[in-house]
PDB file of all heavy atoms in Angstrom:
ATOM      1  N   SER A   1      -5.531  71.639 -59.316  1.00  0.00           N
ATOM      2  CA  SER A   1      -4.414  70.754 -59.829  1.00  0.00           C
ATOM      3  C   SER A   1      -4.106  71.029 -61.298  1.00  0.00           C
ATOM      4  O   SER A   1      -3.156  70.457 -61.866  1.00  0.00           O
ATOM      5  CB  SER A   1      -4.705  69.198 -59.596  1.00  0.00           C
ATOM      6  OG  SER A   1      -5.809  68.840 -60.441  1.00  0.00           O
ATOM      7  N   SER A   2      -5.014  71.604 -62.000  1.00  0.00           N
ATOM      8  CA  SER A   2      -4.813  71.999 -63.451  1.00  0.00           C
ATOM      9  C   SER A   2      -4.658  73.414 -63.569  1.00  0.00           C
ATOM     10  O   SER A   2      -5.614  74.184 -63.173  1.00  0.00           O
ATOM     11  CB  SER A   2      -6.007  71.335 -64.283  1.00  0.00           C
ATOM     12  OG  SER A   2      -5.715  71.545 -65.669  1.00  0.00           O
ATOM     13  N   PRO A   3      -3.530  73.980 -64.091  1.00  0.00           N
ATOM     14  CA  PRO A   3      -3.320  75.501 -64.084  1.00  0.00           C
ATOM     15  C   PRO A   3      -4.227  76.060 -65.088  1.00  0.00           C
ATOM     16  O   PRO A   3      -4.592  75.632 -66.222  1.00  0.00           O
ATOM     17  CB  PRO A   3      -1.891  75.600 -64.415  1.00  0.00           C
ATOM     18  CG  PRO A   3      -1.469  74.221 -65.240  1.00  0.00           C
ATOM     19  CD  PRO A   3      -2.351  73.248 -64.590  1.00  0.00           C
ATOM     20  N   ALA A   4      -4.655  77.331 -64.770  1.00  0.00           N
ATOM     21  CA  ALA A   4      -5.427  78.176 -65.668  1.00  0.00           C
ATOM     22  C   ALA A   4      -4.554  78.531 -66.773  1.00  0.00           C
ATOM     23  O   ALA A   4      -3.317  78.621 -66.697  1.00  0.00           O
ATOM     24  CB  ALA A   4      -5.901  79.410 -64.836  1.00  0.00           C
ATOM     25  N   PHE A   5      -5.185  79.015 -67.839  1.00  0.00           N
ATOM     26  CA  PHE A   5      -4.353  79.393 -69.054  1.00  0.00           C
ATOM     27  C   PHE A   5      -5.174  80.393 -69.905  1.00  0.00           C
ATOM     28  O   PHE A   5      -6.356  80.625 -69.522  1.00  0.00           O
ATOM     29  CB  PHE A   5      -4.181  78.134 -69.893  1.00  0.00           C
ATOM     30  CG  PHE A   5      -5.412  77.403 -70.331  1.00  0.00           C
ATOM     31  CD1 PHE A   5      -6.210  77.704 -71.452  1.00  0.00           C
ATOM     32  CD2 PHE A   5      -5.927  76.328 -69.541  1.00  0.00           C
ATOM     33  CE1 PHE A   5      -7.323  76.985 -71.786  1.00  0.00           C
ATOM     34  CE2 PHE A   5      -6.974  75.637 -69.810  1.00  0.00           C
ATOM     35  CZ  PHE A   5      -7.699  75.994 -71.023  1.00  0.00           C
ATOM     36  N   ILE A   6      -4.554  81.002 -70.690  1.00  0.00           N
ATOM     37  CA  ILE A   6      -5.092  82.066 -71.547  1.00  0.00           C
ATOM     38  C   ILE A   6      -5.356  81.634 -72.992  1.00  0.00           C
ATOM     39  O   ILE A   6      -4.288  81.270 -73.591  1.00  0.00           O
ATOM     40  CB  ILE A   6      -4.367  83.469 -71.499  1.00  0.00           C
ATOM     41  CG1 ILE A   6      -4.460  84.156 -70.095  1.00  0.00           C
ATOM     42  CG2 ILE A   6      -4.781  84.437 -72.541  1.00  0.00           C
ATOM     43  CD1 ILE A   6      -3.570  85.322 -69.971  1.00  0.00           C
ATOM     44  N   ILE A   7      -6.523  81.796 -73.472  1.00  0.00           N
ATOM     45  CA  ILE A   7      -6.742  81.453 -74.914  1.00  0.00           C
ATOM     46  C   ILE A   7      -6.905  82.791 -75.749  1.00  0.00           C
ATOM     47  O   ILE A   7      -7.518  83.672 -75.176  1.00  0.00           O
ATOM     48  CB  ILE A   7      -8.138  80.691 -75.022  1.00  0.00           C
ATOM     49  CG1 ILE A   7      -7.792  79.228 -74.676  1.00  0.00           C
ATOM     50  CG2 ILE A   7      -8.568  80.819 -76.471  1.00  0.00           C
ATOM     51  CD1 ILE A   7      -7.043  78.452 -75.679  1.00  0.00           C
ATOM     52  N   GLU A   8      -6.179  82.920 -76.808  1.00  0.00           N
ATOM     53  CA  GLU A   8      -6.168  84.170 -77.572  1.00  0.00           C
ATOM     54  C   GLU A   8      -7.173  83.882 -78.742  1.00  0.00           C
ATOM     55  O   GLU A   8      -6.990  83.094 -79.627  1.00  0.00           O
ATOM     56  CB  GLU A   8      -4.803  84.344 -78.177  1.00  0.00           C
ATOM     57  CG  GLU A   8      -3.699  84.535 -77.034  1.00  0.00           C
ATOM     58  CD  GLU A   8      -2.281  84.753 -77.535  1.00  0.00           C
ATOM     59  OE1 GLU A   8      -2.083  84.305 -78.737  1.00  0.00           O
ATOM     60  OE2 GLU A   8      -1.448  85.341 -76.867  1.00  0.00           O
ATOM     61  N   GLY A   9      -8.156  84.815 -78.734  1.00  0.00           N
ATOM     62  CA  GLY A   9      -9.114  84.800 -79.743  1.00  0.00           C
ATOM     63  C   GLY A   9      -8.683  85.852 -80.921  1.00  0.00           C
ATOM     64  O   GLY A   9      -7.589  86.392 -80.863  1.00  0.00           O
ATOM     65  N   THR A  10      -9.572  85.957 -81.866  1.00  0.00           N
ATOM     66  CA  THR A  10      -9.182  86.952 -82.971  1.00  0.00           C
ATOM     67  C   THR A  10      -8.981  88.322 -82.385  1.00  0.00           C
ATOM     68  O   THR A  10      -8.025  88.995 -82.772  1.00  0.00           O
ATOM     69  CB  THR A  10     -10.360  86.899 -84.073  1.00  0.00           C
ATOM     70  OG1 THR A  10     -10.558  85.543 -84.421  1.00  0.00           O
ATOM     71  CG2 THR A  10      -9.894  87.796 -85.219  1.00  0.00           C
ATOM     72  N   ASN A  11      -9.835  88.782 -81.514  1.00  0.00           N
ATOM     73  CA  ASN A  11      -9.780  90.222 -81.063  1.00  0.00           C
ATOM     74  C   ASN A  11      -9.663  90.272 -79.554  1.00  0.00           C
ATOM     75  O   ASN A  11      -9.818  91.410 -79.052  1.00  0.00           O
ATOM     76  CB  ASN A  11     -10.986  90.876 -81.519  1.00  0.00           C
ATOM     77  CG  ASN A  11     -11.008  91.060 -83.047  1.00  0.00           C
ATOM     78  OD1 ASN A  11      -9.935  91.462 -83.686  1.00  0.00           O
ATOM     79  ND2 ASN A  11     -12.059  90.654 -83.723  1.00  0.00           N
ATOM     80  N   SER A  12      -9.567  89.098 -78.799  1.00  0.00           N
ATOM     81  CA  SER A  12      -9.639  89.236 -77.357  1.00  0.00           C
ATOM     82  C   SER A  12      -8.916  87.971 -76.782  1.00  0.00           C
ATOM     83  O   SER A  12      -8.610  87.085 -77.566  1.00  0.00           O
ATOM     84  CB  SER A  12     -11.055  89.338 -76.873  1.00  0.00           C
ATOM     85  OG  SER A  12     -11.678  88.082 -77.110  1.00  0.00           O
ATOM     86  N   LYS A  13      -8.594  88.177 -75.510  1.00  0.00           N
ATOM     87  CA  LYS A  13      -8.009  87.037 -74.876  1.00  0.00           C
ATOM     88  C   LYS A  13      -8.833  86.673 -73.586  1.00  0.00           C
ATOM     89  O   LYS A  13      -9.397  87.541 -72.972  1.00  0.00           O
ATOM     90  CB  LYS A  13      -6.552  87.324 -74.287  1.00  0.00           C
ATOM     91  CG  LYS A  13      -5.657  87.657 -75.424  1.00  0.00           C
ATOM     92  CD  LYS A  13      -4.197  88.089 -74.915  1.00  0.00           C
ATOM     93  CE  LYS A  13      -3.298  88.305 -76.074  1.00  0.00           C
ATOM     94  NZ  LYS A  13      -1.926  88.713 -75.592  1.00  0.00           N
ATOM     95  N   THR A  14      -8.908  85.403 -73.299  1.00  0.00           N
ATOM     96  CA  THR A  14      -9.769  84.894 -72.170  1.00  0.00           C
ATOM     97  C   THR A  14      -8.970  84.074 -71.180  1.00  0.00           C
ATOM     98  O   THR A  14      -8.397  83.189 -71.681  1.00  0.00           O
ATOM     99  CB  THR A  14     -10.991  84.117 -72.780  1.00  0.00           C
ATOM    100  OG1 THR A  14     -11.697  85.021 -73.629  1.00  0.00           O
ATOM    101  CG2 THR A  14     -11.948  83.713 -71.637  1.00  0.00           C
ATOM    102  N   LEU A  15      -9.127  84.355 -69.968  1.00  0.00           N
ATOM    103  CA  LEU A  15      -8.614  83.372 -68.958  1.00  0.00           C
ATOM    104  C   LEU A  15      -9.529  82.227 -68.773  1.00  0.00           C
ATOM    105  O   LEU A  15     -10.701  82.315 -68.474  1.00  0.00           O
ATOM    106  CB  LEU A  15      -8.412  84.139 -67.627  1.00  0.00           C
ATOM    107  CG  LEU A  15      -8.050  83.376 -66.376  1.00  0.00           C
ATOM    108  CD1 LEU A  15      -6.589  82.844 -66.506  1.00  0.00           C
ATOM    109  CD2 LEU A  15      -8.204  84.076 -65.119  1.00  0.00           C
ATOM    110  N   CYS A  16      -8.938  81.037 -68.914  1.00  0.00           N
ATOM    111  CA  CYS A  16      -9.668  79.793 -68.814  1.00  0.00           C
ATOM    112  C   CYS A  16      -9.250  79.020 -67.527  1.00  0.00           C
ATOM    113  O   CYS A  16      -8.057  78.762 -67.331  1.00  0.00           O
ATOM    114  CB  CYS A  16      -9.485  78.887 -69.969  1.00  0.00           C
ATOM    115  SG  CYS A  16      -9.992  79.565 -71.503  1.00  0.00           S
ATOM    116  N   ILE A  17     -10.320  78.723 -66.728  1.00  0.00           N
ATOM    117  CA  ILE A  17      -9.993  78.077 -65.424  1.00  0.00           C
ATOM    118  C   ILE A  17     -10.598  76.641 -65.480  1.00  0.00           C
ATOM    119  O   ILE A  17     -11.876  76.398 -65.510  1.00  0.00           O
ATOM    120  CB  ILE A  17     -10.685  78.887 -64.260  1.00  0.00           C
ATOM    121  CG1 ILE A  17     -10.138  80.296 -64.270  1.00  0.00           C
ATOM    122  CG2 ILE A  17     -10.487  78.222 -62.953  1.00  0.00           C
ATOM    123  CD1 ILE A  17     -11.095  81.264 -63.517  1.00  0.00           C
ATOM    124  N   PRO A  18      -9.688  75.658 -65.444  1.00  0.00           N
ATOM    125  CA  PRO A  18     -10.152  74.217 -65.488  1.00  0.00           C
ATOM    126  C   PRO A  18     -11.071  73.918 -64.246  1.00  0.00           C
ATOM    127  O   PRO A  18     -10.652  74.222 -63.144  1.00  0.00           O
ATOM    128  CB  PRO A  18      -8.962  73.453 -65.576  1.00  0.00           C
ATOM    129  CG  PRO A  18      -7.900  74.300 -66.127  1.00  0.00           C
ATOM    130  CD  PRO A  18      -8.285  75.675 -65.550  1.00  0.00           C
ATOM    131  N   THR A  19     -12.226  73.390 -64.568  1.00  0.00           N
ATOM    132  CA  THR A  19     -13.181  72.952 -63.468  1.00  0.00           C
ATOM    133  C   THR A  19     -13.857  71.652 -63.626  1.00  0.00           C
ATOM    134  O   THR A  19     -13.848  71.047 -64.762  1.00  0.00           O
ATOM    135  CB  THR A  19     -14.268  74.015 -63.446  1.00  0.00           C
ATOM    136  OG1 THR A  19     -15.020  74.095 -64.686  1.00  0.00           O
ATOM    137  CG2 THR A  19     -13.806  75.456 -63.160  1.00  0.00           C
ATOM    138  N   ILE A  20     -14.484  71.194 -62.556  1.00  0.00           N
ATOM    139  CA  ILE A  20     -15.358  69.999 -62.741  1.00  0.00           C
ATOM    140  C   ILE A  20     -16.854  70.620 -62.759  1.00  0.00           C
ATOM    141  O   ILE A  20     -16.984  71.653 -62.637  1.00  0.00           O
ATOM    142  CB  ILE A  20     -15.210  69.135 -61.477  1.00  0.00           C
ATOM    143  CG1 ILE A  20     -15.568  69.895 -60.227  1.00  0.00           C
ATOM    144  CG2 ILE A  20     -13.708  68.559 -61.330  1.00  0.00           C
ATOM    145  CD1 ILE A  20     -15.768  68.997 -58.892  1.00  0.00           C
ATOM    146  N   PHE A  21     -17.646  69.694 -63.226  1.00  0.00           N
ATOM    147  CA  PHE A  21     -19.053  70.017 -63.423  1.00  0.00           C
ATOM    148  C   PHE A  21     -19.990  69.104 -62.714  1.00  0.00           C
ATOM    149  O   PHE A  21     -19.929  67.820 -63.131  1.00  0.00           O
ATOM    150  CB  PHE A  21     -19.399  70.044 -64.919  1.00  0.00           C
ATOM    151  CG  PHE A  21     -20.747  70.566 -65.337  1.00  0.00           C
ATOM    152  CD1 PHE A  21     -21.386  71.526 -64.751  1.00  0.00           C
ATOM    153  CD2 PHE A  21     -21.251  69.964 -66.368  1.00  0.00           C
ATOM    154  CE1 PHE A  21     -22.640  71.887 -65.020  1.00  0.00           C
ATOM    155  CE2 PHE A  21     -22.605  70.284 -66.758  1.00  0.00           C
ATOM    156  CZ  PHE A  21     -23.223  71.235 -66.141  1.00  0.00           C
ATOM    157  N   VAL A  22     -20.829  69.531 -61.853  1.00  0.00           N
ATOM    158  CA  VAL A  22     -21.692  68.520 -61.068  1.00  0.00           C
ATOM    159  C   VAL A  22     -23.052  69.229 -61.034  1.00  0.00           C
ATOM    160  O   VAL A  22     -23.288  70.476 -61.203  1.00  0.00           O
ATOM    161  CB  VAL A  22     -21.194  68.299 -59.736  1.00  0.00           C
ATOM    162  CG1 VAL A  22     -19.834  67.640 -59.614  1.00  0.00           C
ATOM    163  CG2 VAL A  22     -21.119  69.645 -58.850  1.00  0.00           C
ATOM    164  N   SER A  23     -24.002  68.350 -60.785  1.00  0.00           N
ATOM    165  CA  SER A  23     -25.506  68.873 -60.631  1.00  0.00           C
ATOM    166  C   SER A  23     -25.711  69.487 -59.295  1.00  0.00           C
ATOM    167  O   SER A  23     -24.857  69.375 -58.515  1.00  0.00           O
ATOM    168  CB  SER A  23     -26.476  67.688 -60.946  1.00  0.00           C
ATOM    169  OG  SER A  23     -26.386  66.804 -59.762  1.00  0.00           O
ATOM    170  N   TYR A  24     -26.935  70.112 -59.229  1.00  0.00           N
ATOM    171  CA  TYR A  24     -27.220  70.775 -57.981  1.00  0.00           C
ATOM    172  C   TYR A  24     -27.246  69.713 -56.772  1.00  0.00           C
ATOM    173  O   TYR A  24     -26.958  70.140 -55.616  1.00  0.00           O
ATOM    174  CB  TYR A  24     -28.578  71.418 -58.162  1.00  0.00           C
ATOM    175  CG  TYR A  24     -29.198  72.129 -56.907  1.00  0.00           C
ATOM    176  CD1 TYR A  24     -28.586  73.161 -56.256  1.00  0.00           C
ATOM    177  CD2 TYR A  24     -30.221  71.470 -56.170  1.00  0.00           C
ATOM    178  CE1 TYR A  24     -29.153  73.761 -55.133  1.00  0.00           C
ATOM    179  CE2 TYR A  24     -30.883  72.068 -54.962  1.00  0.00           C
ATOM    180  CZ  TYR A  24     -30.199  73.089 -54.530  1.00  0.00           C
ATOM    181  OH  TYR A  24     -30.640  73.702 -53.440  1.00  0.00           O
ATOM    182  N   THR A  25     -27.631  68.481 -57.149  1.00  0.00           N
ATOM    183  CA  THR A  25     -27.750  67.410 -56.085  1.00  0.00           C
ATOM    184  C   THR A  25     -26.378  66.640 -55.980  1.00  0.00           C
ATOM    185  O   THR A  25     -26.289  65.602 -55.345  1.00  0.00           O
ATOM    186  CB  THR A  25     -28.793  66.392 -56.384  1.00  0.00           C
ATOM    187  OG1 THR A  25     -28.825  66.090 -57.893  1.00  0.00           O
ATOM    188  CG2 THR A  25     -30.218  67.079 -56.246  1.00  0.00           C
ATOM    189  N   GLY A  26     -25.288  67.102 -56.725  1.00  0.00           N
ATOM    190  CA  GLY A  26     -24.002  66.539 -56.437  1.00  0.00           C
ATOM    191  C   GLY A  26     -23.537  65.461 -57.502  1.00  0.00           C
ATOM    192  O   GLY A  26     -22.435  64.980 -57.370  1.00  0.00           O
ATOM    193  N   GLU A  27     -24.423  65.046 -58.399  1.00  0.00           N
ATOM    194  CA  GLU A  27     -23.911  63.996 -59.331  1.00  0.00           C
ATOM    195  C   GLU A  27     -23.023  64.596 -60.341  1.00  0.00           C
ATOM    196  O   GLU A  27     -23.173  65.804 -60.847  1.00  0.00           O
ATOM    197  CB  GLU A  27     -25.084  63.377 -60.201  1.00  0.00           C
ATOM    198  CG  GLU A  27     -26.043  62.551 -59.240  1.00  0.00           C
ATOM    199  CD  GLU A  27     -27.205  63.341 -58.554  1.00  0.00           C
ATOM    200  OE1 GLU A  27     -27.230  64.599 -58.917  1.00  0.00           O
ATOM    201  OE2 GLU A  27     -27.971  62.750 -57.824  1.00  0.00           O
ATOM    202  N   ALA A  28     -21.925  63.838 -60.682  1.00  0.00           N
ATOM    203  CA  ALA A  28     -20.969  64.305 -61.773  1.00  0.00           C
ATOM    204  C   ALA A  28     -21.639  64.442 -63.081  1.00  0.00           C
ATOM    205  O   ALA A  28     -22.269  63.390 -63.575  1.00  0.00           O
ATOM    206  CB  ALA A  28     -19.817  63.314 -61.782  1.00  0.00           C
ATOM    207  N   LEU A  29     -21.515  65.458 -63.730  1.00  0.00           N
ATOM    208  CA  LEU A  29     -21.989  65.663 -65.134  1.00  0.00           C
ATOM    209  C   LEU A  29     -21.045  65.869 -66.144  1.00  0.00           C
ATOM    210  O   LEU A  29     -21.148  66.377 -67.233  1.00  0.00           O
ATOM    211  CB  LEU A  29     -23.004  66.805 -65.240  1.00  0.00           C
ATOM    212  CG  LEU A  29     -24.289  66.681 -64.323  1.00  0.00           C
ATOM    213  CD1 LEU A  29     -25.084  68.107 -64.330  1.00  0.00           C
ATOM    214  CD2 LEU A  29     -25.118  65.545 -64.825  1.00  0.00           C
ATOM    215  N   ASP A  30     -19.732  65.448 -65.704  1.00  0.00           N
ATOM    216  CA  ASP A  30     -18.609  65.619 -66.664  1.00  0.00           C
ATOM    217  C   ASP A  30     -17.718  64.418 -66.603  1.00  0.00           C
ATOM    218  O   ASP A  30     -17.908  63.425 -65.963  1.00  0.00           O
ATOM    219  CB  ASP A  30     -17.730  66.831 -66.293  1.00  0.00           C
ATOM    220  CG  ASP A  30     -17.093  66.645 -64.902  1.00  0.00           C
ATOM    221  OD1 ASP A  30     -17.490  65.710 -64.114  1.00  0.00           O
ATOM    222  OD2 ASP A  30     -16.211  67.445 -64.544  1.00  0.00           O
ATOM    223  N   TYR A  31     -16.551  64.393 -67.431  1.00  0.00           N
ATOM    224  CA  TYR A  31     -15.648  63.289 -67.455  1.00  0.00           C
ATOM    225  C   TYR A  31     -14.567  63.467 -66.491  1.00  0.00           C
ATOM    226  O   TYR A  31     -13.846  62.560 -66.086  1.00  0.00           O
ATOM    227  CB  TYR A  31     -15.096  63.243 -68.762  1.00  0.00           C
ATOM    228  CG  TYR A  31     -16.041  62.536 -69.829  1.00  0.00           C
ATOM    229  CD1 TYR A  31     -16.505  63.259 -70.935  1.00  0.00           C
ATOM    230  CD2 TYR A  31     -16.351  61.269 -69.834  1.00  0.00           C
ATOM    231  CE1 TYR A  31     -17.456  62.764 -71.916  1.00  0.00           C
ATOM    232  CE2 TYR A  31     -17.239  60.629 -70.605  1.00  0.00           C
ATOM    233  CZ  TYR A  31     -17.729  61.319 -71.769  1.00  0.00           C
ATOM    234  OH  TYR A  31     -18.637  60.795 -72.609  1.00  0.00           O
ATOM    235  N   LYS A  32     -14.379  64.730 -66.039  1.00  0.00           N
ATOM    236  CA  LYS A  32     -13.157  65.062 -65.168  1.00  0.00           C
ATOM    237  C   LYS A  32     -13.417  64.589 -63.702  1.00  0.00           C
ATOM    238  O   LYS A  32     -12.450  64.099 -63.073  1.00  0.00           O
ATOM    239  CB  LYS A  32     -12.842  66.500 -65.288  1.00  0.00           C
ATOM    240  CG  LYS A  32     -11.657  66.888 -64.560  1.00  0.00           C
ATOM    241  CD  LYS A  32     -11.165  68.344 -64.816  1.00  0.00           C
ATOM    242  CE  LYS A  32      -9.677  68.540 -64.392  1.00  0.00           C
ATOM    243  NZ  LYS A  32      -9.244  69.833 -64.734  1.00  0.00           N
ATOM    244  N   THR A  33     -14.582  64.770 -63.194  1.00  0.00           N
ATOM    245  CA  THR A  33     -14.758  64.460 -61.819  1.00  0.00           C
ATOM    246  C   THR A  33     -14.438  63.036 -61.473  1.00  0.00           C
ATOM    247  O   THR A  33     -13.620  62.744 -60.576  1.00  0.00           O
ATOM    248  CB  THR A  33     -16.182  64.783 -61.409  1.00  0.00           C
ATOM    249  OG1 THR A  33     -16.485  66.090 -61.550  1.00  0.00           O
ATOM    250  CG2 THR A  33     -16.477  64.421 -59.897  1.00  0.00           C
ATOM    251  N   PRO A  34     -14.948  61.954 -62.197  1.00  0.00           N
ATOM    252  CA  PRO A  34     -14.553  60.620 -61.885  1.00  0.00           C
ATOM    253  C   PRO A  34     -13.110  60.349 -62.161  1.00  0.00           C
ATOM    254  O   PRO A  34     -12.492  59.493 -61.467  1.00  0.00           O
ATOM    255  CB  PRO A  34     -15.522  59.787 -62.711  1.00  0.00           C
ATOM    256  CG  PRO A  34     -16.063  60.710 -63.854  1.00  0.00           C
ATOM    257  CD  PRO A  34     -16.052  62.083 -63.187  1.00  0.00           C
ATOM    258  N   LEU A  35     -12.514  61.103 -63.152  1.00  0.00           N
ATOM    259  CA  LEU A  35     -11.088  60.825 -63.406  1.00  0.00           C
ATOM    260  C   LEU A  35     -10.234  61.216 -62.192  1.00  0.00           C
ATOM    261  O   LEU A  35      -9.346  60.553 -61.705  1.00  0.00           O
ATOM    262  CB  LEU A  35     -10.690  61.607 -64.624  1.00  0.00           C
ATOM    263  CG  LEU A  35      -9.084  61.476 -64.962  1.00  0.00           C
ATOM    264  CD1 LEU A  35      -8.731  60.091 -65.351  1.00  0.00           C
ATOM    265  CD2 LEU A  35      -8.736  62.510 -66.000  1.00  0.00           C
ATOM    266  N   LEU A  36     -10.578  62.366 -61.615  1.00  0.00           N
ATOM    267  CA  LEU A  36      -9.883  62.853 -60.446  1.00  0.00           C
ATOM    268  C   LEU A  36      -9.914  61.849 -59.412  1.00  0.00           C
ATOM    269  O   LEU A  36      -9.058  61.573 -58.598  1.00  0.00           O
ATOM    270  CB  LEU A  36     -10.267  64.286 -60.052  1.00  0.00           C
ATOM    271  CG  LEU A  36      -9.933  65.312 -61.005  1.00  0.00           C
ATOM    272  CD1 LEU A  36     -10.540  66.639 -60.559  1.00  0.00           C
ATOM    273  CD2 LEU A  36      -8.439  65.557 -61.248  1.00  0.00           C
ATOM    274  N   LYS A  37     -11.268  61.345 -59.140  1.00  0.00           N
ATOM    275  CA  LYS A  37     -11.456  60.381 -58.021  1.00  0.00           C
ATOM    276  C   LYS A  37     -10.625  59.107 -58.257  1.00  0.00           C
ATOM    277  O   LYS A  37     -10.127  58.548 -57.330  1.00  0.00           O
ATOM    278  CB  LYS A  37     -12.896  60.080 -57.937  1.00  0.00           C
ATOM    279  CG  LYS A  37     -13.787  61.304 -57.432  1.00  0.00           C
ATOM    280  CD  LYS A  37     -15.218  60.813 -57.410  1.00  0.00           C
ATOM    281  CE  LYS A  37     -16.170  61.931 -56.876  1.00  0.00           C
ATOM    282  NZ  LYS A  37     -17.596  61.504 -56.727  1.00  0.00           N
ATOM    283  N   SER A  38     -10.576  58.629 -59.512  1.00  0.00           N
ATOM    284  CA  SER A  38      -9.919  57.417 -59.834  1.00  0.00           C
ATOM    285  C   SER A  38      -8.432  57.577 -59.690  1.00  0.00           C
ATOM    286  O   SER A  38      -7.711  56.558 -59.209  1.00  0.00           O
ATOM    287  CB  SER A  38     -10.267  56.979 -61.289  1.00  0.00           C
ATOM    288  OG  SER A  38      -9.495  57.756 -62.182  1.00  0.00           O
ATOM    289  N   LEU A  39      -7.864  58.759 -59.924  1.00  0.00           N
ATOM    290  CA  LEU A  39      -6.459  59.028 -59.720  1.00  0.00           C
ATOM    291  C   LEU A  39      -6.061  58.938 -58.268  1.00  0.00           C
ATOM    292  O   LEU A  39      -5.045  58.359 -57.935  1.00  0.00           O
ATOM    293  CB  LEU A  39      -6.054  60.338 -60.275  1.00  0.00           C
ATOM    294  CG  LEU A  39      -6.181  60.417 -61.867  1.00  0.00           C
ATOM    295  CD1 LEU A  39      -5.957  61.832 -62.358  1.00  0.00           C
ATOM    296  CD2 LEU A  39      -5.062  59.498 -62.509  1.00  0.00           C
ATOM    297  N   LYS A  40      -6.947  59.572 -57.428  1.00  0.00           N
ATOM    298  CA  LYS A  40      -6.658  59.514 -55.867  1.00  0.00           C
ATOM    299  C   LYS A  40      -6.779  58.036 -55.497  1.00  0.00           C
ATOM    300  O   LYS A  40      -5.968  57.620 -54.557  1.00  0.00           O
ATOM    301  CB  LYS A  40      -7.656  60.355 -55.177  1.00  0.00           C
ATOM    302  CG  LYS A  40      -7.396  60.367 -53.751  1.00  0.00           C
ATOM    303  CD  LYS A  40      -8.484  61.355 -52.976  1.00  0.00           C
ATOM    304  CE  LYS A  40      -8.100  61.410 -51.556  1.00  0.00           C
ATOM    305  NZ  LYS A  40      -8.049  59.987 -50.825  1.00  0.00           N
TER     306      LYS A  40
END
């Protein structure tokens, strides 16, 4: 739902892919995961 984008550094460019972050056992370790759940 969040488009990828390119960040331009001093000598290189990087494709940035927005993601959520969770633990191996599934717990949210970021701010984005609960936000997406709350929006739904």
